[in-house]
Structures are given as C-alpha cells and as structure tokens.
Amino acid sequence: APEEVLTGQRYDFDVVLDQPLKDSVLAGGI
C-alpha cells in the first residue's frame, strides 16, 4: 500500500501472506 496518495485518488491496499496457503483456510477482514 502507498504511504501517500493524492486527494480523490484510487489506490490498492493489499495485505497478503508470504507463504502459499496450500490446504489451509484463511479468514479475514478490513
């Protein structure tokens, strides 16, 4: 995610696990 954006700008905010999930189930929210 960026540290700084312009007013009105659309930006992506992603938080991802560095290791593959394989057979695990992940739950979450923001």
PDB file of all heavy atoms in Angstrom:
ATOM      1  N   ALA A   1       0.853  -1.181   0.000  1.00  0.00           N
ATOM      2  CA  ALA A   1       0.000   0.000   0.000  1.00  0.00           C
ATOM      3  C   ALA A   1       0.895   1.239   0.000  1.00  0.00           C
ATOM      4  O   ALA A   1       1.990   1.218   0.574  1.00  0.00           O
ATOM      5  CB  ALA A   1      -0.913   0.017   1.225  1.00  0.00           C
ATOM      6  N   PRO A   2       0.456   2.317  -0.621  1.00  0.00           N
ATOM      7  CA  PRO A   2       1.274   3.532  -0.636  1.00  0.00           C
ATOM      8  C   PRO A   2       1.271   4.224   0.723  1.00  0.00           C
ATOM      9  O   PRO A   2       0.315   4.097   1.492  1.00  0.00           O
ATOM     10  CB  PRO A   2       0.593   4.397  -1.704  1.00  0.00           C
ATOM     11  CG  PRO A   2      -0.837   3.941  -1.681  1.00  0.00           C
ATOM     12  CD  PRO A   2      -0.801   2.473  -1.375  1.00  0.00           C
ATOM     13  N   GLU A   3       2.350   4.944   1.020  1.00  0.00           N
ATOM     14  CA  GLU A   3       2.375   5.771   2.222  1.00  0.00           C
ATOM     15  C   GLU A   3       1.645   7.086   1.989  1.00  0.00           C
ATOM     16  O   GLU A   3       1.145   7.692   2.947  1.00  0.00           O
ATOM     17  CB  GLU A   3       3.820   6.065   2.643  1.00  0.00           C
ATOM     18  CG  GLU A   3       4.569   4.877   3.223  1.00  0.00           C
ATOM     19  CD  GLU A   3       5.911   5.277   3.796  1.00  0.00           C
ATOM     20  OE1 GLU A   3       6.321   6.446   3.597  1.00  0.00           O
ATOM     21  OE2 GLU A   3       6.545   4.430   4.453  1.00  0.00           O
ATOM     22  N   GLU A   4       1.563   7.512   0.714  1.00  0.00           N
ATOM     23  CA  GLU A   4       0.981   8.819   0.401  1.00  0.00           C
ATOM     24  C   GLU A   4       0.222   8.748  -0.916  1.00  0.00           C
ATOM     25  O   GLU A   4       0.700   8.137  -1.883  1.00  0.00           O
ATOM     26  CB  GLU A   4       2.093   9.867   0.322  1.00  0.00           C
ATOM     27  CG  GLU A   4       1.633  11.277   0.011  1.00  0.00           C
ATOM     28  CD  GLU A   4       2.803  12.233  -0.067  1.00  0.00           C
ATOM     29  OE1 GLU A   4       3.299  12.638   1.001  1.00  0.00           O
ATOM     30  OE2 GLU A   4       3.238  12.568  -1.189  1.00  0.00           O
ATOM     31  N   VAL A   5      -0.976   9.335  -0.943  1.00  0.00           N
ATOM     32  CA  VAL A   5      -1.776   9.405  -2.158  1.00  0.00           C
ATOM     33  C   VAL A   5      -2.318  10.815  -2.314  1.00  0.00           C
ATOM     34  O   VAL A   5      -2.342  11.596  -1.354  1.00  0.00           O
ATOM     35  CB  VAL A   5      -2.947   8.398  -2.134  1.00  0.00           C
ATOM     36  CG1 VAL A   5      -2.430   6.966  -2.080  1.00  0.00           C
ATOM     37  CG2 VAL A   5      -3.885   8.675  -0.968  1.00  0.00           C
ATOM     38  N   LEU A   6      -2.769  11.133  -3.518  1.00  0.00           N
ATOM     39  CA  LEU A   6      -3.383  12.433  -3.783  1.00  0.00           C
ATOM     40  C   LEU A   6      -4.870  12.407  -3.413  1.00  0.00           C
ATOM     41  O   LEU A   6      -5.507  11.350  -3.403  1.00  0.00           O
ATOM     42  CB  LEU A   6      -3.234  12.795  -5.255  1.00  0.00           C
ATOM     43  CG  LEU A   6      -1.816  13.049  -5.750  1.00  0.00           C
ATOM     44  CD1 LEU A   6      -1.801  13.209  -7.266  1.00  0.00           C
ATOM     45  CD2 LEU A   6      -1.214  14.279  -5.074  1.00  0.00           C
ATOM     46  N   THR A   7      -5.434  13.573  -3.133  1.00  0.00           N
ATOM     47  CA  THR A   7      -6.858  13.658  -2.833  1.00  0.00           C
ATOM     48  C   THR A   7      -7.664  13.112  -4.009  1.00  0.00           C
ATOM     49  O   THR A   7      -7.377  13.396  -5.171  1.00  0.00           O
ATOM     50  CB  THR A   7      -7.256  15.121  -2.577  1.00  0.00           C
ATOM     51  OG1 THR A   7      -6.809  15.932  -3.670  1.00  0.00           O
ATOM     52  CG2 THR A   7      -6.645  15.657  -1.293  1.00  0.00           C
ATOM     53  N   GLY A   8      -8.651  12.295  -3.697  1.00  0.00           N
ATOM     54  CA  GLY A   8      -9.507  11.723  -4.726  1.00  0.00           C
ATOM     55  C   GLY A   8      -8.918  10.557  -5.486  1.00  0.00           C
ATOM     56  O   GLY A   8      -9.606   9.954  -6.324  1.00  0.00           O
ATOM     57  N   GLN A   9      -7.685  10.192  -5.225  1.00  0.00           N
ATOM     58  CA  GLN A   9      -7.023   9.108  -5.960  1.00  0.00           C
ATOM     59  C   GLN A   9      -7.557   7.752  -5.529  1.00  0.00           C
ATOM     60  O   GLN A   9      -7.870   7.524  -4.364  1.00  0.00           O
ATOM     61  CB  GLN A   9      -5.512   9.170  -5.720  1.00  0.00           C
ATOM     62  CG  GLN A   9      -4.705   8.074  -6.393  1.00  0.00           C
ATOM     63  CD  GLN A   9      -3.218   8.181  -6.074  1.00  0.00           C
ATOM     64  OE1 GLN A   9      -2.718   9.244  -5.701  1.00  0.00           O
ATOM     65  NE2 GLN A   9      -2.501   7.073  -6.214  1.00  0.00           N
ATOM     66  N   ARG A  10      -7.662   6.829  -6.470  1.00  0.00           N
ATOM     67  CA  ARG A  10      -7.972   5.432  -6.159  1.00  0.00           C
ATOM     68  C   ARG A  10      -6.654   4.683  -5.999  1.00  0.00           C
ATOM     69  O   ARG A  10      -5.747   4.832  -6.818  1.00  0.00           O
ATOM     70  CB  ARG A  10      -8.830   4.806  -7.251  1.00  0.00           C
ATOM     71  CG  ARG A  10     -10.220   5.423  -7.357  1.00  0.00           C
ATOM     72  CD  ARG A  10     -11.050   4.745  -8.435  1.00  0.00           C
ATOM     73  NE  ARG A  10     -11.388   3.378  -8.077  1.00  0.00           N
ATOM     74  CZ  ARG A  10     -12.403   3.020  -7.292  1.00  0.00           C
ATOM     75  NH1 ARG A  10     -13.177   3.953  -6.759  1.00  0.00           N
ATOM     76  NH2 ARG A  10     -12.653   1.754  -7.024  1.00  0.00           N
ATOM     77  N   TYR A  11      -6.553   3.882  -4.950  1.00  0.00           N
ATOM     78  CA  TYR A  11      -5.320   3.153  -4.701  1.00  0.00           C
ATOM     79  C   TYR A  11      -5.632   1.766  -4.151  1.00  0.00           C
ATOM     80  O   TYR A  11      -6.714   1.519  -3.614  1.00  0.00           O
ATOM     81  CB  TYR A  11      -4.407   3.924  -3.744  1.00  0.00           C
ATOM     82  CG  TYR A  11      -4.949   4.126  -2.340  1.00  0.00           C
ATOM     83  CD1 TYR A  11      -4.615   3.252  -1.305  1.00  0.00           C
ATOM     84  CD2 TYR A  11      -5.766   5.213  -2.034  1.00  0.00           C
ATOM     85  CE1 TYR A  11      -5.097   3.449  -0.009  1.00  0.00           C
ATOM     86  CE2 TYR A  11      -6.246   5.415  -0.743  1.00  0.00           C
ATOM     87  CZ  TYR A  11      -5.908   4.528   0.252  1.00  0.00           C
ATOM     88  OH  TYR A  11      -6.387   4.724   1.534  1.00  0.00           O
ATOM     89  N   ASP A  12      -4.669   0.857  -4.301  1.00  0.00           N
ATOM     90  CA  ASP A  12      -4.825  -0.515  -3.825  1.00  0.00           C
ATOM     91  C   ASP A  12      -4.217  -0.656  -2.435  1.00  0.00           C
ATOM     92  O   ASP A  12      -3.139  -0.121  -2.148  1.00  0.00           O
ATOM     93  CB  ASP A  12      -4.151  -1.500  -4.775  1.00  0.00           C
ATOM     94  CG  ASP A  12      -4.843  -1.572  -6.126  1.00  0.00           C
ATOM     95  OD1 ASP A  12      -6.069  -1.331  -6.179  1.00  0.00           O
ATOM     96  OD2 ASP A  12      -4.158  -1.841  -7.131  1.00  0.00           O
ATOM     97  N   PHE A  13      -4.916  -1.395  -1.583  1.00  0.00           N
ATOM     98  CA  PHE A  13      -4.442  -1.702  -0.235  1.00  0.00           C
ATOM     99  C   PHE A  13      -4.521  -3.218  -0.079  1.00  0.00           C
ATOM    100  O   PHE A  13      -5.608  -3.792   0.016  1.00  0.00           O
ATOM    101  CB  PHE A  13      -5.308  -1.009   0.817  1.00  0.00           C
ATOM    102  CG  PHE A  13      -4.739  -1.052   2.209  1.00  0.00           C
ATOM    103  CD1 PHE A  13      -4.137   0.075   2.752  1.00  0.00           C
ATOM    104  CD2 PHE A  13      -4.795  -2.202   2.982  1.00  0.00           C
ATOM    105  CE1 PHE A  13      -3.607   0.046   4.037  1.00  0.00           C
ATOM    106  CE2 PHE A  13      -4.270  -2.242   4.258  1.00  0.00           C
ATOM    107  CZ  PHE A  13      -3.668  -1.116   4.784  1.00  0.00           C
ATOM    108  N   ASP A  14      -3.355  -3.871  -0.090  1.00  0.00           N
ATOM    109  CA  ASP A  14      -3.296  -5.332  -0.048  1.00  0.00           C
ATOM    110  C   ASP A  14      -2.457  -5.792   1.141  1.00  0.00           C
ATOM    111  O   ASP A  14      -1.397  -5.219   1.410  1.00  0.00           O
ATOM    112  CB  ASP A  14      -2.677  -5.905  -1.329  1.00  0.00           C
ATOM    113  CG  ASP A  14      -3.400  -5.444  -2.586  1.00  0.00           C
ATOM    114  OD1 ASP A  14      -4.616  -5.160  -2.503  1.00  0.00           O
ATOM    115  OD2 ASP A  14      -2.751  -5.363  -3.648  1.00  0.00           O
ATOM    116  N   VAL A  15      -2.929  -6.812   1.835  1.00  0.00           N
ATOM    117  CA  VAL A  15      -2.167  -7.477   2.893  1.00  0.00           C
ATOM    118  C   VAL A  15      -2.223  -8.968   2.599  1.00  0.00           C
ATOM    119  O   VAL A  15      -3.308  -9.565   2.624  1.00  0.00           O
ATOM    120  CB  VAL A  15      -2.723  -7.181   4.294  1.00  0.00           C
ATOM    121  CG1 VAL A  15      -1.897  -7.894   5.359  1.00  0.00           C
ATOM    122  CG2 VAL A  15      -2.741  -5.673   4.556  1.00  0.00           C
ATOM    123  N   VAL A  16      -1.070  -9.572   2.301  1.00  0.00           N
ATOM    124  CA  VAL A  16      -1.061 -10.970   1.850  1.00  0.00           C
ATOM    125  C   VAL A  16      -0.057 -11.783   2.659  1.00  0.00           C
ATOM    126  O   VAL A  16       0.976 -11.270   3.101  1.00  0.00           O
ATOM    127  CB  VAL A  16      -0.716 -11.066   0.345  1.00  0.00           C
ATOM    128  CG1 VAL A  16      -1.789 -10.397  -0.490  1.00  0.00           C
ATOM    129  CG2 VAL A  16       0.637 -10.437   0.058  1.00  0.00           C
ATOM    130  N   LEU A  17      -0.374 -13.063   2.847  1.00  0.00           N
ATOM    131  CA  LEU A  17       0.571 -13.991   3.459  1.00  0.00           C
ATOM    132  C   LEU A  17       1.693 -14.278   2.478  1.00  0.00           C
ATOM    133  O   LEU A  17       1.458 -14.493   1.288  1.00  0.00           O
ATOM    134  CB  LEU A  17      -0.129 -15.291   3.843  1.00  0.00           C
ATOM    135  CG  LEU A  17      -1.100 -15.251   5.023  1.00  0.00           C
ATOM    136  CD1 LEU A  17      -1.719 -16.631   5.224  1.00  0.00           C
ATOM    137  CD2 LEU A  17      -0.409 -14.796   6.296  1.00  0.00           C
ATOM    138  N   ASP A  18       2.932 -14.306   2.971  1.00  0.00           N
ATOM    139  CA  ASP A  18       4.076 -14.538   2.094  1.00  0.00           C
ATOM    140  C   ASP A  18       4.194 -15.999   1.650  1.00  0.00           C
ATOM    141  O   ASP A  18       4.775 -16.286   0.610  1.00  0.00           O
ATOM    142  CB  ASP A  18       5.375 -14.112   2.786  1.00  0.00           C
ATOM    143  CG  ASP A  18       5.445 -12.608   2.965  1.00  0.00           C
ATOM    144  OD1 ASP A  18       4.628 -11.888   2.357  1.00  0.00           O
ATOM    145  OD2 ASP A  18       6.315 -12.144   3.729  1.00  0.00           O
ATOM    146  N   GLN A  19       3.654 -16.931   2.453  1.00  0.00           N
ATOM    147  CA  GLN A  19       3.732 -18.351   2.123  1.00  0.00           C
ATOM    148  C   GLN A  19       2.410 -18.822   1.518  1.00  0.00           C
ATOM    149  O   GLN A  19       1.339 -18.351   1.896  1.00  0.00           O
ATOM    150  CB  GLN A  19       4.052 -19.182   3.367  1.00  0.00           C
ATOM    151  CG  GLN A  19       5.393 -18.863   3.992  1.00  0.00           C
ATOM    152  CD  GLN A  19       6.557 -19.190   3.059  1.00  0.00           C
ATOM    153  OE1 GLN A  19       6.520 -20.170   2.313  1.00  0.00           O
ATOM    154  NE2 GLN A  19       7.579 -18.344   3.085  1.00  0.00           N
ATOM    155  N   PRO A  20       2.453 -19.768   0.579  1.00  0.00           N
ATOM    156  CA  PRO A  20       1.213 -20.292  -0.022  1.00  0.00           C
ATOM    157  C   PRO A  20       0.299 -20.916   1.019  1.00  0.00           C
ATOM    158  O   PRO A  20       0.759 -21.482   2.017  1.00  0.00           O
ATOM    159  CB  PRO A  20       1.717 -21.346  -1.017  1.00  0.00           C
ATOM    160  CG  PRO A  20       3.154 -20.998  -1.270  1.00  0.00           C
ATOM    161  CD  PRO A  20       3.664 -20.386   0.000  1.00  0.00           C
ATOM    162  N   LEU A  21      -1.006 -20.830   0.792  1.00  0.00           N
ATOM    163  CA  LEU A  21      -1.972 -21.398   1.721  1.00  0.00           C
ATOM    164  C   LEU A  21      -1.986 -22.916   1.703  1.00  0.00           C
ATOM    165  O   LEU A  21      -2.236 -23.561   2.720  1.00  0.00           O
ATOM    166  CB  LEU A  21      -3.382 -20.883   1.371  1.00  0.00           C
ATOM    167  CG  LEU A  21      -3.727 -19.457   1.787  1.00  0.00           C
ATOM    168  CD1 LEU A  21      -5.124 -19.122   1.310  1.00  0.00           C
ATOM    169  CD2 LEU A  21      -3.631 -19.294   3.290  1.00  0.00           C
ATOM    170  N   LYS A  22      -1.750 -23.516   0.528  1.00  0.00           N
ATOM    171  CA  LYS A  22      -1.877 -24.973   0.339  1.00  0.00           C
ATOM    172  C   LYS A  22      -3.294 -25.389   0.728  1.00  0.00           C
ATOM    173  O   LYS A  22      -4.259 -24.916   0.155  1.00  0.00           O
ATOM    174  CB  LYS A  22      -0.804 -25.715   1.136  1.00  0.00           C
ATOM    175  CG  LYS A  22       0.613 -25.391   0.683  1.00  0.00           C
ATOM    176  CD  LYS A  22       1.652 -26.189   1.458  1.00  0.00           C
ATOM    177  CE  LYS A  22       3.056 -25.853   0.975  1.00  0.00           C
ATOM    178  NZ  LYS A  22       4.092 -26.597   1.717  1.00  0.00           N
ATOM    179  N   ASP A  23      -3.442 -26.273   1.710  1.00  0.00           N
ATOM    180  CA  ASP A  23      -4.773 -26.753   2.082  1.00  0.00           C
ATOM    181  C   ASP A  23      -5.399 -25.955   3.230  1.00  0.00           C
ATOM    182  O   ASP A  23      -6.486 -26.295   3.706  1.00  0.00           O
ATOM    183  CB  ASP A  23      -4.711 -28.233   2.474  1.00  0.00           C
ATOM    184  CG  ASP A  23      -4.282 -29.122   1.316  1.00  0.00           C
ATOM    185  OD1 ASP A  23      -4.600 -28.766   0.166  1.00  0.00           O
ATOM    186  OD2 ASP A  23      -3.622 -30.153   1.570  1.00  0.00           O
ATOM    187  N   SER A  24      -4.726 -24.919   3.676  1.00  0.00           N
ATOM    188  CA  SER A  24      -5.231 -24.136   4.814  1.00  0.00           C
ATOM    189  C   SER A  24      -6.363 -23.207   4.371  1.00  0.00           C
ATOM    190  O   SER A  24      -6.457 -22.814   3.211  1.00  0.00           O
ATOM    191  CB  SER A  24      -4.110 -23.310   5.431  1.00  0.00           C
ATOM    192  OG  SER A  24      -3.069 -24.139   5.906  1.00  0.00           O
ATOM    193  N   VAL A  25      -7.198 -22.866   5.326  1.00  0.00           N
ATOM    194  CA  VAL A  25      -8.287 -21.923   5.096  1.00  0.00           C
ATOM    195  C   VAL A  25      -7.957 -20.627   5.826  1.00  0.00           C
ATOM    196  O   VAL A  25      -7.616 -20.641   7.014  1.00  0.00           O
ATOM    197  CB  VAL A  25      -9.630 -22.485   5.595  1.00  0.00           C
ATOM    198  CG1 VAL A  25     -10.743 -21.459   5.419  1.00  0.00           C
ATOM    199  CG2 VAL A  25      -9.970 -23.768   4.852  1.00  0.00           C
ATOM    200  N   LEU A  26      -8.058 -19.518   5.121  1.00  0.00           N
ATOM    201  CA  LEU A  26      -7.751 -18.204   5.686  1.00  0.00           C
ATOM    202  C   LEU A  26      -9.030 -17.382   5.774  1.00  0.00           C
ATOM    203  O   LEU A  26      -9.826 -17.347   4.840  1.00  0.00           O
ATOM    204  CB  LEU A  26      -6.727 -17.484   4.806  1.00  0.00           C
ATOM    205  CG  LEU A  26      -6.210 -16.127   5.301  1.00  0.00           C
ATOM    206  CD1 LEU A  26      -5.356 -16.310   6.552  1.00  0.00           C
ATOM    207  CD2 LEU A  26      -5.388 -15.434   4.208  1.00  0.00           C
ATOM    208  N   ALA A  27      -9.217 -16.731   6.923  1.00  0.00           N
ATOM    209  CA  ALA A  27     -10.341 -15.808   7.104  1.00  0.00           C
ATOM    210  C   ALA A  27      -9.784 -14.437   7.449  1.00  0.00           C
ATOM    211  O   ALA A  27      -8.684 -14.313   8.000  1.00  0.00           O
ATOM    212  CB  ALA A  27     -11.272 -16.307   8.203  1.00  0.00           C
ATOM    213  N   GLY A  28     -10.539 -13.405   7.133  1.00  0.00           N
ATOM    214  CA  GLY A  28     -10.044 -12.063   7.445  1.00  0.00           C
ATOM    215  C   GLY A  28     -11.024 -10.992   7.070  1.00  0.00           C
ATOM    216  O   GLY A  28     -12.113 -11.240   6.542  1.00  0.00           O
ATOM    217  N   GLY A  29     -10.622  -9.754   7.351  1.00  0.00           N
ATOM    218  CA  GLY A  29     -11.447  -8.599   7.021  1.00  0.00           C
ATOM    219  C   GLY A  29     -10.636  -7.331   7.169  1.00  0.00           C
ATOM    220  O   GLY A  29      -9.513  -7.331   7.682  1.00  0.00           O
ATOM    221  N   ILE A  30     -11.211  -6.228   6.714  1.00  0.00           N
ATOM    222  CA  ILE A  30     -10.545  -4.932   6.756  1.00  0.00           C
ATOM    223  C   ILE A  30     -11.551  -3.871   7.187  1.00  0.00           C
ATOM    224  O   ILE A  30     -12.748  -3.969   6.865  1.00  0.00           O
ATOM    225  CB  ILE A  30      -9.931  -4.571   5.378  1.00  0.00           C
ATOM    226  CG1 ILE A  30      -9.172  -3.235   5.448  1.00  0.00           C
ATOM    227  CG2 ILE A  30     -10.996  -4.546   4.283  1.00  0.00           C
ATOM    228  CD1 ILE A  30      -8.365  -2.937   4.194  1.00  0.00           C
TER     229      ILE A  30
END
